[in-house]
Amino acid sequence: MEHKIAKAVEQIEKSKHISEEEKPLIIEKIQEWKKEKRAISDLNNVLESWWMKVEPIFAEIGVI
């Protein structure tokens, strides 16, 4: 799972459809979630406002 999270962060950083202002905020929330070892559903709750932007990345790498 750690590898998949790292891959998601990498894809978010490269993404052209997520604004440069939102990228660090999204990545920060992912890192918080990772440190707390929460379930992926908690990540969805924390990132609710950004979910539509990150969902394709998670789907592409097989997390969802």
N, C-alpha and C. Protein backbone atom coordinates (compact mmCIF):
# COMPACT_ATOMS: atom_id res chain seq x y z
N MET A 1 0.82 -1.19 0.00
CA MET A 1 0.00 0.00 0.00
C MET A 1 0.86 1.26 0.00
N GLU A 2 1.97 1.24 0.73
CA GLU A 2 2.86 2.40 0.77
C GLU A 2 3.33 2.78 -0.63
N HIS A 3 3.66 1.77 -1.43
CA HIS A 3 4.10 2.03 -2.80
C HIS A 3 2.99 2.69 -3.61
N LYS A 4 1.77 2.23 -3.43
CA LYS A 4 0.64 2.80 -4.17
C LYS A 4 0.37 4.24 -3.75
N ILE A 5 0.52 4.52 -2.48
CA ILE A 5 0.34 5.89 -2.01
C ILE A 5 1.41 6.79 -2.60
N ALA A 6 2.64 6.32 -2.61
CA ALA A 6 3.74 7.09 -3.20
C ALA A 6 3.47 7.34 -4.68
N LYS A 7 2.98 6.34 -5.37
CA LYS A 7 2.65 6.48 -6.79
C LYS A 7 1.53 7.50 -6.99
N ALA A 8 0.53 7.49 -6.11
CA ALA A 8 -0.56 8.46 -6.21
C ALA A 8 -0.03 9.88 -6.02
N VAL A 9 0.83 10.08 -5.04
CA VAL A 9 1.42 11.40 -4.80
C VAL A 9 2.20 11.85 -6.04
N GLU A 10 2.96 10.95 -6.61
CA GLU A 10 3.73 11.26 -7.82
C GLU A 10 2.81 11.69 -8.96
N GLN A 11 1.72 10.97 -9.13
CA GLN A 11 0.77 11.29 -10.20
C GLN A 11 0.06 12.63 -9.94
N ILE A 12 -0.25 12.90 -8.69
CA ILE A 12 -0.87 14.18 -8.35
C ILE A 12 0.09 15.32 -8.68
N GLU A 13 1.35 15.15 -8.33
CA GLU A 13 2.35 16.19 -8.63
C GLU A 13 2.46 16.46 -10.12
N LYS A 14 2.30 15.44 -10.95
CA LYS A 14 2.41 15.58 -12.40
C LYS A 14 1.11 16.00 -13.07
N SER A 15 0.01 15.89 -12.36
CA SER A 15 -1.31 16.11 -12.95
C SER A 15 -1.47 17.52 -13.49
N LYS A 16 -2.07 17.60 -14.67
CA LYS A 16 -2.35 18.89 -15.29
C LYS A 16 -3.75 19.38 -14.96
N HIS A 17 -4.64 18.50 -14.47
CA HIS A 17 -6.01 18.89 -14.17
C HIS A 17 -6.24 19.26 -12.70
N ILE A 18 -5.17 19.25 -11.91
CA ILE A 18 -5.25 19.72 -10.52
C ILE A 18 -4.40 20.98 -10.43
N SER A 19 -4.96 22.04 -9.89
CA SER A 19 -4.25 23.32 -9.83
C SER A 19 -3.00 23.20 -8.94
N GLU A 20 -2.04 24.06 -9.25
CA GLU A 20 -0.80 24.08 -8.47
C GLU A 20 -1.07 24.46 -7.01
N GLU A 21 -2.12 25.24 -6.76
CA GLU A 21 -2.47 25.62 -5.40
C GLU A 21 -3.05 24.44 -4.62
N GLU A 22 -3.77 23.57 -5.30
CA GLU A 22 -4.41 22.43 -4.63
C GLU A 22 -3.47 21.26 -4.39
N LYS A 23 -2.49 21.09 -5.25
CA LYS A 23 -1.59 19.93 -5.14
C LYS A 23 -0.96 19.77 -3.77
N PRO A 24 -0.33 20.82 -3.20
CA PRO A 24 0.29 20.62 -1.88
C PRO A 24 -0.74 20.31 -0.79
N LEU A 25 -1.92 20.87 -0.92
CA LEU A 25 -2.96 20.61 0.08
C LEU A 25 -3.42 19.15 0.02
N ILE A 26 -3.60 18.65 -1.18
CA ILE A 26 -3.99 17.25 -1.36
C ILE A 26 -2.91 16.32 -0.84
N ILE A 27 -1.67 16.60 -1.22
CA ILE A 27 -0.55 15.76 -0.80
C ILE A 27 -0.37 15.79 0.72
N GLU A 28 -0.55 16.96 1.32
CA GLU A 28 -0.47 17.07 2.78
C GLU A 28 -1.51 16.18 3.46
N LYS A 29 -2.73 16.18 2.95
CA LYS A 29 -3.78 15.34 3.54
C LYS A 29 -3.46 13.86 3.36
N ILE A 30 -2.91 13.49 2.22
CA ILE A 30 -2.52 12.09 2.00
C ILE A 30 -1.43 11.70 3.00
N GLN A 31 -0.45 12.59 3.22
CA GLN A 31 0.62 12.28 4.16
C GLN A 31 0.09 12.17 5.59
N GLU A 32 -0.85 13.03 5.96
CA GLU A 32 -1.48 12.92 7.28
C GLU A 32 -2.17 11.58 7.42
N TRP A 33 -2.93 11.21 6.40
CA TRP A 33 -3.65 9.94 6.43
C TRP A 33 -2.67 8.78 6.54
N LYS A 34 -1.60 8.84 5.76
CA LYS A 34 -0.61 7.76 5.75
C LYS A 34 0.01 7.60 7.15
N LYS A 35 0.35 8.70 7.80
CA LYS A 35 0.95 8.63 9.13
C LYS A 35 -0.02 8.04 10.15
N GLU A 36 -1.28 8.33 9.98
CA GLU A 36 -2.27 7.85 10.93
C GLU A 36 -2.74 6.43 10.62
N LYS A 37 -2.33 5.91 9.48
CA LYS A 37 -2.66 4.53 9.09
C LYS A 37 -4.17 4.30 9.03
N ARG A 38 -4.90 5.28 8.53
CA ARG A 38 -6.36 5.15 8.42
C ARG A 38 -6.72 4.34 7.18
N ALA A 39 -7.95 3.90 7.15
CA ALA A 39 -8.47 3.15 6.01
C ALA A 39 -8.67 4.10 4.83
N ILE A 40 -8.68 3.56 3.62
CA ILE A 40 -8.85 4.36 2.41
C ILE A 40 -10.16 5.12 2.43
N SER A 41 -11.17 4.62 3.09
CA SER A 41 -12.44 5.35 3.17
C SER A 41 -12.28 6.65 3.95
N ASP A 42 -11.40 6.66 4.95
CA ASP A 42 -11.12 7.90 5.67
C ASP A 42 -10.46 8.92 4.76
N LEU A 43 -9.59 8.45 3.89
CA LEU A 43 -8.96 9.34 2.93
C LEU A 43 -10.02 10.01 2.06
N ASN A 44 -11.00 9.24 1.65
CA ASN A 44 -12.08 9.79 0.85
C ASN A 44 -12.79 10.91 1.60
N ASN A 45 -13.06 10.73 2.88
CA ASN A 45 -13.73 11.76 3.68
C ASN A 45 -12.88 13.02 3.81
N VAL A 46 -11.61 12.85 4.05
CA VAL A 46 -10.71 13.99 4.23
C VAL A 46 -10.57 14.77 2.93
N LEU A 47 -10.55 14.08 1.82
CA LEU A 47 -10.32 14.72 0.51
C LEU A 47 -11.61 14.91 -0.28
N GLU A 48 -12.74 14.94 0.39
CA GLU A 48 -14.03 14.97 -0.30
C GLU A 48 -14.09 16.05 -1.38
N SER A 49 -13.63 17.25 -1.08
CA SER A 49 -13.73 18.33 -2.05
C SER A 49 -12.81 18.12 -3.27
N TRP A 50 -11.80 17.29 -3.10
CA TRP A 50 -10.86 17.03 -4.20
C TRP A 50 -11.06 15.66 -4.84
N TRP A 51 -11.94 14.86 -4.29
CA TRP A 51 -12.04 13.47 -4.71
C TRP A 51 -12.22 13.29 -6.21
N MET A 52 -13.04 14.12 -6.81
CA MET A 52 -13.28 13.97 -8.25
C MET A 52 -12.00 14.16 -9.06
N LYS A 53 -11.08 14.91 -8.52
CA LYS A 53 -9.81 15.13 -9.22
C LYS A 53 -8.81 14.00 -8.99
N VAL A 54 -8.81 13.40 -7.82
CA VAL A 54 -7.81 12.36 -7.52
C VAL A 54 -8.32 10.95 -7.79
N GLU A 55 -9.63 10.78 -7.89
CA GLU A 55 -10.19 9.44 -8.09
C GLU A 55 -9.61 8.75 -9.31
N PRO A 56 -9.48 9.42 -10.48
CA PRO A 56 -8.91 8.72 -11.64
C PRO A 56 -7.47 8.24 -11.41
N ILE A 57 -6.71 8.98 -10.63
CA ILE A 57 -5.32 8.58 -10.35
C ILE A 57 -5.32 7.31 -9.50
N PHE A 58 -6.13 7.27 -8.45
CA PHE A 58 -6.20 6.08 -7.60
C PHE A 58 -6.73 4.88 -8.38
N ALA A 59 -7.68 5.11 -9.25
CA ALA A 59 -8.22 4.02 -10.06
C ALA A 59 -7.16 3.47 -11.01
N GLU A 60 -6.39 4.37 -11.60
CA GLU A 60 -5.37 3.96 -12.55
C GLU A 60 -4.29 3.09 -11.91
N ILE A 61 -3.96 3.36 -10.66
CA ILE A 61 -2.91 2.56 -10.00
C ILE A 61 -3.47 1.41 -9.20
N GLY A 62 -4.78 1.21 -9.25
CA GLY A 62 -5.39 0.05 -8.64
C GLY A 62 -5.70 0.14 -7.16
N VAL A 63 -5.75 1.34 -6.59
CA VAL A 63 -6.08 1.48 -5.18
C VAL A 63 -7.59 1.35 -4.97
N ILE A 64 -8.37 1.79 -5.94
CA ILE A 64 -9.83 1.67 -5.83
C ILE A 64 -10.35 0.87 -6.99
